[in-house]
Structures are given as structure tokens and as C-alpha cells.
Amino acid sequence: MTRYSQRKDRSFAVIMVLLSAAFLVQSFSYPAESSQFPRFLMGVQLLFSLIFLFQKFRLPLESKTVPSKEVIASLVPAFKVFLVTSLYVLGIDYVGYFAATTAFLMGAMFLFGNRRLLVMALVTGCFLALIYALFVLFMGVRLPQGLLF
């Protein structure tokens, strides 16, 4: 493992501990009848984040460095995922859940190498049908609606 990779792991561990702690604190502002499950999840996430943090700081940093071109190349897929997911989350409010999810799934599959339109359409259609049946029909949850749906 390179020094860059170890520092990246340590930074990620610190960020996860801070986010988990912040979300745990926020879960105490929920109504009492709906706060037990978020508190439990955030407590477990905080516990695992702390374990990960302690594991990463126990190991000494190696002296081998990574060239900058490799570092940038290794961040491109992560940046793609972040960008596509951010656009998806923003798109849900404007065009609705089903339209945004269709665009997200089709775009993500295309972006990451699947160019077969039939496969992309079948996967997207089956996923949306499953979500609709499970959440809308079975549980009666209203999914976010935007300008289109």
C-alpha cells in the first residue's frame, strides 16, 4: 500500500467518523416515535467508522509516493460517480423520482461502459417496476414528484 493510499484511507476514516457523529446528533432531533432506527443505524455506523479509523492509524505510513498522474487517474471514476449522483439527487426535485431515476440509471450505465440499449432499458424498467410495486403499491409511500411526474 502506498503512502498516498494510506493517507487517503486515513482521511476517509476521519470524514466518516465526523459524518457519523453529526448524523447521530441530528437523529436526536427527530420525533421520539421515529428516532430509534436512525439512532441505531448511526450508532452502528459510528462504531464501524471508529474501528476503521483505529485500524488505519495503527499502521505506519510507507515511504513510497505515488506519481501525480496516477493519483489523478485514480480519482476520475470517483469523480464520475459523485457528479452523476449529485445530478440525480438534484434532478429528483425538478423532474420527479421516476424521470430522474430513468435518466440516472441509463446515464450511469452508458458512462461506465454498457452501450446496449436493450439491456439498459430492461434493467431500468425492471428496477422502476420493482420500486413502484414495493414502495407505492405495497407500502403506500408517495415518491417525490417534480414537474414531469
Protein backbone atom coordinates (compact mmCIF):
# COMPACT_ATOMS: atom_id res chain seq x y z
CA MET A 1 0.00 0.00 0.00
CA THR A 2 1.40 3.38 -0.93
CA ARG A 3 1.71 6.41 1.29
CA TYR A 4 -0.92 8.24 -0.78
CA SER A 5 -3.35 5.35 -0.42
CA GLN A 6 -2.79 5.19 3.32
CA ARG A 7 -3.36 8.92 3.72
CA LYS A 8 -6.48 8.66 1.61
CA ASP A 9 -7.76 5.84 3.85
CA ARG A 10 -7.00 7.86 6.97
CA SER A 11 -8.75 10.93 5.60
CA PHE A 12 -11.76 8.85 4.65
CA ALA A 13 -11.87 7.31 8.13
CA VAL A 14 -11.81 10.73 9.80
CA ILE A 15 -14.53 12.05 7.48
CA MET A 16 -16.72 9.01 8.16
CA VAL A 17 -16.35 9.40 11.93
CA LEU A 18 -17.27 13.09 11.72
CA LEU A 19 -20.25 12.48 9.42
CA SER A 20 -21.50 9.58 11.53
CA ALA A 21 -21.24 11.64 14.70
CA ALA A 22 -23.03 14.58 13.08
CA PHE A 23 -25.85 12.37 11.79
CA LEU A 24 -26.14 10.66 15.17
CA VAL A 25 -26.54 14.04 16.87
CA GLN A 26 -29.09 15.08 14.25
CA SER A 27 -31.11 11.89 14.81
CA PHE A 28 -31.87 13.07 18.35
CA SER A 29 -33.90 15.95 16.88
CA TYR A 30 -36.39 13.53 15.28
CA PRO A 31 -39.72 12.80 16.96
CA ALA A 32 -39.43 10.11 19.62
CA GLU A 33 -41.61 7.57 17.79
CA SER A 34 -39.46 7.68 14.64
CA SER A 35 -35.96 8.23 16.00
CA GLN A 36 -34.97 4.79 17.30
CA PHE A 37 -34.00 3.26 13.96
CA PRO A 38 -31.92 6.25 12.71
CA ARG A 39 -30.16 6.41 16.09
CA PHE A 40 -29.38 2.71 15.91
CA LEU A 41 -28.06 2.93 12.33
CA MET A 42 -25.92 5.97 13.02
CA GLY A 43 -24.59 4.41 16.22
CA VAL A 44 -23.55 1.28 14.34
CA GLN A 45 -22.05 3.37 11.54
CA LEU A 46 -20.12 5.44 14.08
CA LEU A 47 -18.85 2.29 15.78
CA PHE A 48 -17.59 0.79 12.49
CA SER A 49 -16.11 4.12 11.43
CA LEU A 50 -14.18 4.33 14.70
CA ILE A 51 -12.91 0.78 14.26
CA PHE A 52 -11.79 1.62 10.73
CA LEU A 53 -10.14 4.82 11.99
CA PHE A 54 -8.19 3.00 14.71
CA GLN A 55 -7.06 0.34 12.22
CA LYS A 56 -5.76 2.95 9.80
CA PHE A 57 -3.88 4.95 12.42
CA ARG A 58 -2.24 1.85 13.90
CA LEU A 59 -0.36 1.21 10.65
CA PRO A 60 2.75 3.29 9.92
CA LEU A 61 2.88 5.29 6.70
CA GLU A 62 5.04 3.78 3.98
CA SER A 63 7.61 6.00 2.33
CA LYS A 64 6.71 5.13 -1.27
CA THR A 65 4.99 8.02 -3.06
CA VAL A 66 2.58 7.90 -5.97
CA PRO A 67 3.17 9.97 -9.10
CA SER A 68 0.61 12.72 -9.61
CA LYS A 69 -0.70 11.31 -12.93
CA GLU A 70 -1.61 8.06 -11.21
CA VAL A 71 -3.35 9.94 -8.44
CA ILE A 72 -5.47 11.95 -10.87
CA ALA A 73 -6.25 8.87 -12.94
CA SER A 74 -7.38 7.00 -9.82
CA LEU A 75 -9.78 9.81 -8.89
CA VAL A 76 -11.58 10.00 -12.25
CA PRO A 77 -14.04 7.14 -11.59
CA ALA A 78 -14.86 8.51 -8.13
CA PHE A 79 -15.46 11.96 -9.61
CA LYS A 80 -17.77 10.47 -12.26
CA VAL A 81 -19.81 8.70 -9.58
CA PHE A 82 -20.01 11.87 -7.47
CA LEU A 83 -21.05 14.01 -10.44
CA VAL A 84 -23.70 11.60 -11.73
CA THR A 85 -25.14 11.02 -8.25
CA SER A 86 -25.23 14.75 -7.49
CA LEU A 87 -27.09 15.45 -10.72
CA TYR A 88 -29.51 12.66 -9.89
CA VAL A 89 -30.28 13.99 -6.42
CA LEU A 90 -30.83 17.49 -7.81
CA GLY A 91 -32.92 16.13 -10.66
CA ILE A 92 -35.39 14.35 -8.38
CA ASP A 93 -36.79 17.68 -7.18
CA TYR A 94 -37.17 19.11 -10.67
CA VAL A 95 -38.36 16.22 -12.81
CA GLY A 96 -39.59 13.70 -10.23
CA TYR A 97 -38.33 10.38 -8.98
CA PHE A 98 -39.18 8.19 -11.95
CA ALA A 99 -37.85 10.51 -14.65
CA ALA A 100 -34.67 11.28 -12.68
CA THR A 101 -34.07 7.61 -11.89
CA THR A 102 -34.55 6.66 -15.53
CA ALA A 103 -32.02 9.27 -16.64
CA PHE A 104 -29.64 8.33 -13.81
CA LEU A 105 -29.64 4.60 -14.47
CA MET A 106 -29.41 4.93 -18.24
CA GLY A 107 -26.71 7.60 -18.00
CA ALA A 108 -24.66 5.75 -15.39
CA MET A 109 -24.76 2.51 -17.36
CA PHE A 110 -23.72 4.36 -20.52
CA LEU A 111 -21.00 6.27 -18.69
CA PHE A 112 -19.49 3.11 -17.23
CA GLY A 113 -19.40 1.15 -20.46
CA ASN A 114 -22.74 -0.52 -21.14
CA ARG A 115 -23.75 0.54 -24.63
CA ARG A 116 -26.51 -1.99 -25.29
CA LEU A 117 -29.74 -0.02 -25.30
CA LEU A 118 -31.99 -3.05 -24.83
CA VAL A 119 -30.14 -4.18 -21.70
CA MET A 120 -30.12 -0.65 -20.30
CA ALA A 121 -33.86 -0.25 -20.93
CA LEU A 122 -34.71 -3.66 -19.42
CA VAL A 123 -32.64 -3.08 -16.27
CA THR A 124 -34.10 0.39 -15.81
CA GLY A 125 -37.67 -0.76 -16.45
CA CYS A 126 -37.41 -3.72 -14.07
CA PHE A 127 -35.85 -1.57 -11.35
CA LEU A 128 -38.54 1.11 -11.64
CA ALA A 129 -41.32 -1.51 -11.69
CA LEU A 130 -39.89 -3.12 -8.56
CA ILE A 131 -39.61 0.23 -6.75
CA TYR A 132 -43.13 1.20 -7.79
CA ALA A 133 -44.60 -2.12 -6.65
CA LEU A 134 -42.68 -2.19 -3.38
CA PHE A 135 -42.97 1.41 -2.26
CA VAL A 136 -46.06 2.85 -3.96
CA LEU A 137 -48.39 -0.16 -4.15
CA PHE A 138 -47.27 -2.29 -1.20
CA MET A 139 -46.22 0.31 1.39
CA GLY A 140 -48.23 3.30 0.15
CA VAL A 141 -45.26 5.67 0.09
CA ARG A 142 -45.50 8.73 -2.13
CA LEU A 143 -42.33 9.17 -4.12
CA PRO A 144 -41.07 12.67 -4.94
CA GLN A 145 -42.89 14.33 -7.79
CA GLY A 146 -41.39 17.01 -9.96
CA LEU A 147 -42.51 18.94 -12.98
CA LEU A 148 -42.95 15.85 -15.14
CA PHE A 149 -44.26 13.09 -12.82
